[in-house]
């Protein structure tokens, strides 16, 4: 009976584990304090606790925000959704409920992209100091398969500095992810109910 209960819990948890969410992070994006100062914040999508201030991209799968969010340096495993297929193309601002999927997302090559053109161009672009969403395609560590994801950020034109609030990606590369979606609370509820069942049967 214990084996059956354990199997049930494993299936319940796995069935709800489609969205991998960072949790609220609120990681500051540094500002440039002088000529040649390009310190940025390196974001580790797989392991948020390893995110750190860095001057270069530390992993090919990750992203580094610089100049308060004006600069965006990306590796080949993190491709922001852009308005055109260019490393300097404006990053698309998404709204909660929009979707990102590998088959239809427009991205540019990896590299350094200056995002000044995304600020205050129109209502569909990022505004300085606005908390908003961008979409991305991401390859988890050790893989080459792209998964769709979203990230909530506040970008600034260097000062006073931006913030990377949270992000999530879809564990199934064939599925689209809904912007703002986080794991369903039903996962925790099923685990709790299953644990109660285990304790009850042991009495």
Protein backbone atom coordinates (compact mmCIF):
# COMPACT_ATOMS: atom_id res chain seq x y z
CA UNK A 1 0.00 0.00 0.00
CA UNK A 2 2.84 2.39 0.79
CA UNK A 3 4.24 1.83 -2.71
CA UNK A 4 0.89 2.69 -4.30
CA UNK A 5 0.58 5.87 -2.26
CA UNK A 6 4.11 6.95 -3.16
CA UNK A 7 3.42 6.28 -6.83
CA UNK A 8 0.21 8.31 -6.68
CA UNK A 9 2.02 11.25 -5.12
CA UNK A 10 4.78 11.13 -7.72
CA UNK A 11 2.29 11.12 -10.58
CA UNK A 12 0.28 13.94 -9.04
CA UNK A 13 3.34 16.11 -8.57
CA UNK A 14 4.76 15.41 -12.03
CA UNK A 15 1.46 16.10 -13.74
CA UNK A 16 1.40 19.62 -12.27
CA UNK A 17 5.08 20.42 -12.88
CA UNK A 18 4.77 21.96 -16.36
CA UNK A 19 5.80 25.51 -15.39
CA UNK A 20 9.19 26.06 -13.72
CA UNK A 21 8.95 29.31 -11.70
CA UNK A 22 11.77 31.25 -10.07
CA UNK A 23 9.63 32.67 -7.29
CA UNK A 24 9.86 36.39 -6.50
CA UNK A 25 13.55 37.39 -6.77
CA UNK A 26 13.66 41.22 -7.13
CA UNK A 27 17.31 41.21 -8.29
CA UNK A 28 18.70 44.75 -8.83
CA UNK A 29 20.23 45.64 -12.22
CA UNK A 30 23.39 47.74 -11.63
CA UNK A 31 23.96 51.18 -13.15
CA UNK A 32 27.10 52.34 -14.98
CA UNK A 33 29.16 54.69 -12.82
CA UNK A 34 31.83 55.67 -15.34
CA UNK A 35 33.27 55.19 -18.81
CA UNK A 36 33.79 51.51 -19.58
CA UNK A 37 31.75 50.39 -16.59
CA UNK A 38 29.48 47.66 -17.93
CA UNK A 39 28.83 45.74 -14.75
CA UNK A 40 25.55 43.92 -15.05
CA UNK A 41 23.56 41.28 -13.27
CA UNK A 42 24.01 37.73 -14.51
CA UNK A 43 20.75 35.80 -14.20
CA UNK A 44 20.94 32.03 -13.83
CA UNK A 45 17.58 30.81 -15.12
CA UNK A 46 18.00 27.26 -13.80
CA UNK A 47 19.37 28.22 -10.38
CA UNK A 48 18.23 31.71 -9.28
CA UNK A 49 20.43 31.53 -6.19
CA UNK A 50 23.54 31.63 -8.40
CA UNK A 51 22.64 34.96 -10.03
CA UNK A 52 25.34 37.56 -9.42
CA UNK A 53 26.89 40.84 -10.54
CA UNK A 54 29.28 40.22 -13.44
CA UNK A 55 30.98 42.08 -16.30
CA UNK A 56 30.77 39.17 -18.77
CA UNK A 57 28.32 36.44 -19.60
CA UNK A 58 29.29 33.55 -17.33
CA UNK A 59 27.27 30.82 -19.01
CA UNK A 60 26.13 30.38 -22.59
CA UNK A 61 22.57 29.68 -21.44
CA UNK A 62 22.10 32.79 -19.38
CA UNK A 63 21.39 36.53 -19.67
CA UNK A 64 23.14 39.62 -18.32
CA UNK A 65 21.30 42.93 -17.90
CA UNK A 66 23.51 46.05 -17.86
CA UNK A 67 23.09 49.84 -17.65
CA UNK A 68 19.98 49.57 -15.51
CA UNK A 69 18.34 47.39 -18.16
CA UNK A 70 19.29 49.40 -21.25
CA UNK A 71 21.83 46.75 -22.28
CA UNK A 72 20.95 43.09 -22.65
CA UNK A 73 23.75 40.56 -23.24
CA UNK A 74 22.56 37.05 -24.01
CA UNK A 75 24.07 33.65 -24.68
CA UNK A 76 22.89 31.20 -27.31
CA UNK A 77 20.62 29.48 -24.80
CA UNK A 78 18.61 32.61 -23.91
CA UNK A 79 16.87 34.39 -26.79
CA UNK A 80 14.52 37.30 -25.97
CA UNK A 81 11.41 37.71 -28.10
CA UNK A 82 12.06 40.77 -30.28
CA UNK A 83 10.15 42.84 -32.81
CA UNK A 84 12.62 41.79 -35.51
CA UNK A 85 15.28 39.10 -35.91
CA UNK A 86 18.28 41.21 -34.86
CA UNK A 87 20.53 41.40 -31.79
CA UNK A 88 19.56 45.07 -31.50
CA UNK A 89 15.87 44.61 -32.28
CA UNK A 90 13.49 46.05 -29.72
CA UNK A 91 12.40 43.59 -27.06
CA UNK A 92 8.64 43.00 -27.21
CA UNK A 93 6.64 44.00 -24.16
CA UNK A 94 4.09 41.31 -23.35
CA UNK A 95 0.93 41.46 -21.26
CA UNK A 96 -0.34 38.94 -18.70
CA UNK A 97 -2.28 36.28 -20.59
CA UNK A 98 -0.19 36.56 -23.77
CA UNK A 99 1.54 33.36 -24.84
CA UNK A 100 5.07 32.47 -25.92
CA UNK A 101 5.86 29.39 -27.98
CA UNK A 102 8.96 28.16 -29.74
CA UNK A 103 7.35 27.78 -33.16
CA UNK A 104 6.20 31.39 -33.53
CA UNK A 105 8.58 33.50 -31.41
CA UNK A 106 10.80 36.01 -33.26
CA UNK A 107 14.29 36.19 -31.76
CA UNK A 108 17.65 37.56 -32.78
CA UNK A 109 21.14 36.04 -32.48
CA UNK A 110 22.92 35.99 -29.14
CA UNK A 111 25.07 38.96 -28.23
CA UNK A 112 24.86 42.50 -26.88
CA UNK A 113 21.64 44.33 -27.69
CA UNK A 114 21.02 47.97 -26.81
CA UNK A 115 17.40 48.46 -25.83
CA UNK A 116 17.08 52.25 -25.87
CA UNK A 117 14.63 52.01 -28.75
CA UNK A 118 12.12 50.11 -26.64
CA UNK A 119 11.55 53.01 -24.27
CA UNK A 120 8.47 55.22 -24.74
CA UNK A 121 8.19 54.56 -28.47
CA UNK A 122 4.57 53.50 -28.20
CA UNK A 123 2.11 51.97 -25.76
CA UNK A 124 3.30 48.53 -26.93
CA UNK A 125 6.91 49.15 -25.84
CA UNK A 126 8.61 49.30 -22.46
CA UNK A 127 8.51 52.57 -20.55
CA UNK A 128 11.34 53.63 -18.26
CA UNK A 129 10.65 52.38 -14.74
CA UNK A 130 7.64 50.28 -15.75
CA UNK A 131 7.21 46.74 -14.42
CA UNK A 132 6.42 44.66 -17.50
CA UNK A 133 6.98 41.28 -19.13
CA UNK A 134 9.33 40.06 -21.83
CA UNK A 135 9.26 36.63 -23.48
CA UNK A 136 12.20 34.36 -24.17
CA UNK A 137 13.29 30.97 -25.48
CA UNK A 138 15.64 29.13 -23.13
CA UNK A 139 17.79 25.99 -23.19
CA UNK A 140 18.13 24.46 -19.70
CA UNK A 141 21.66 23.58 -18.60
CA UNK A 142 23.07 20.60 -20.44
CA UNK A 143 20.50 20.65 -23.23
CA UNK A 144 20.08 22.26 -26.65
CA UNK A 145 16.27 22.20 -26.73
CA UNK A 146 14.55 25.59 -26.49
CA UNK A 147 11.70 26.09 -24.03
CA UNK A 148 9.37 29.13 -23.98
CA UNK A 149 9.40 31.43 -20.97
CA UNK A 150 8.55 34.87 -19.59
CA UNK A 151 10.31 37.34 -17.29
CA UNK A 152 8.93 40.30 -15.33
CA UNK A 153 11.37 43.19 -15.24
CA UNK A 154 11.60 46.90 -14.53
CA UNK A 155 14.03 48.47 -17.03
CA UNK A 156 15.59 51.93 -16.78
CA UNK A 157 17.89 54.04 -18.95
CA UNK A 158 20.82 53.34 -16.59
CA UNK A 159 19.73 55.32 -13.51
CA UNK A 160 18.18 54.71 -11.04
CA UNK A 161 18.69 51.03 -11.96
CA UNK A 162 16.31 48.27 -12.95
CA UNK A 163 15.02 45.11 -11.31
CA UNK A 164 14.53 41.51 -12.46
CA UNK A 165 11.46 40.49 -10.47
CA UNK A 166 10.69 36.89 -11.49
CA UNK A 167 10.62 34.48 -14.41
CA UNK A 168 9.26 31.11 -15.51
CA UNK A 169 9.66 28.64 -18.35
CA UNK A 170 7.70 25.68 -19.66
CA UNK A 171 9.17 22.23 -18.97
CA UNK A 172 7.57 20.90 -22.17
CA UNK A 173 9.25 22.57 -25.20
CA UNK A 174 6.25 21.72 -27.39
CA UNK A 175 3.83 23.67 -25.19
CA UNK A 176 3.21 27.40 -25.12
CA UNK A 177 3.56 29.26 -21.83
CA UNK A 178 1.06 31.87 -20.67
CA UNK A 179 2.73 35.09 -19.56
CA UNK A 180 2.40 35.44 -15.79
CA UNK A 181 1.56 31.75 -15.29
CA UNK A 182 3.06 30.04 -12.22
CA UNK A 183 2.71 26.44 -10.97
CA UNK A 184 -0.80 25.52 -9.87
CA UNK A 185 -1.38 25.43 -6.08
CA UNK A 186 -3.12 22.09 -6.63
CA UNK A 187 0.32 20.48 -6.56
CA UNK A 188 0.81 21.38 -2.92
CA UNK A 189 -2.76 20.41 -2.05
CA UNK A 190 -2.40 16.96 -3.58
CA UNK A 191 0.85 16.41 -1.71
CA UNK A 192 -0.78 17.44 1.56
CA UNK A 193 -3.78 15.16 1.03
CA UNK A 194 -1.51 12.29 0.08
CA UNK A 195 0.56 12.77 3.21
CA UNK A 196 -2.59 12.73 5.31
CA UNK A 197 -3.62 9.47 3.69
CA UNK A 198 -0.23 7.93 4.49
CA UNK A 199 -0.46 8.95 8.16
CA UNK A 200 -4.03 7.70 8.45
CA UNK A 201 -3.16 4.24 7.09
CA UNK A 202 -0.22 3.91 9.46
CA UNK A 203 -2.48 4.28 12.52
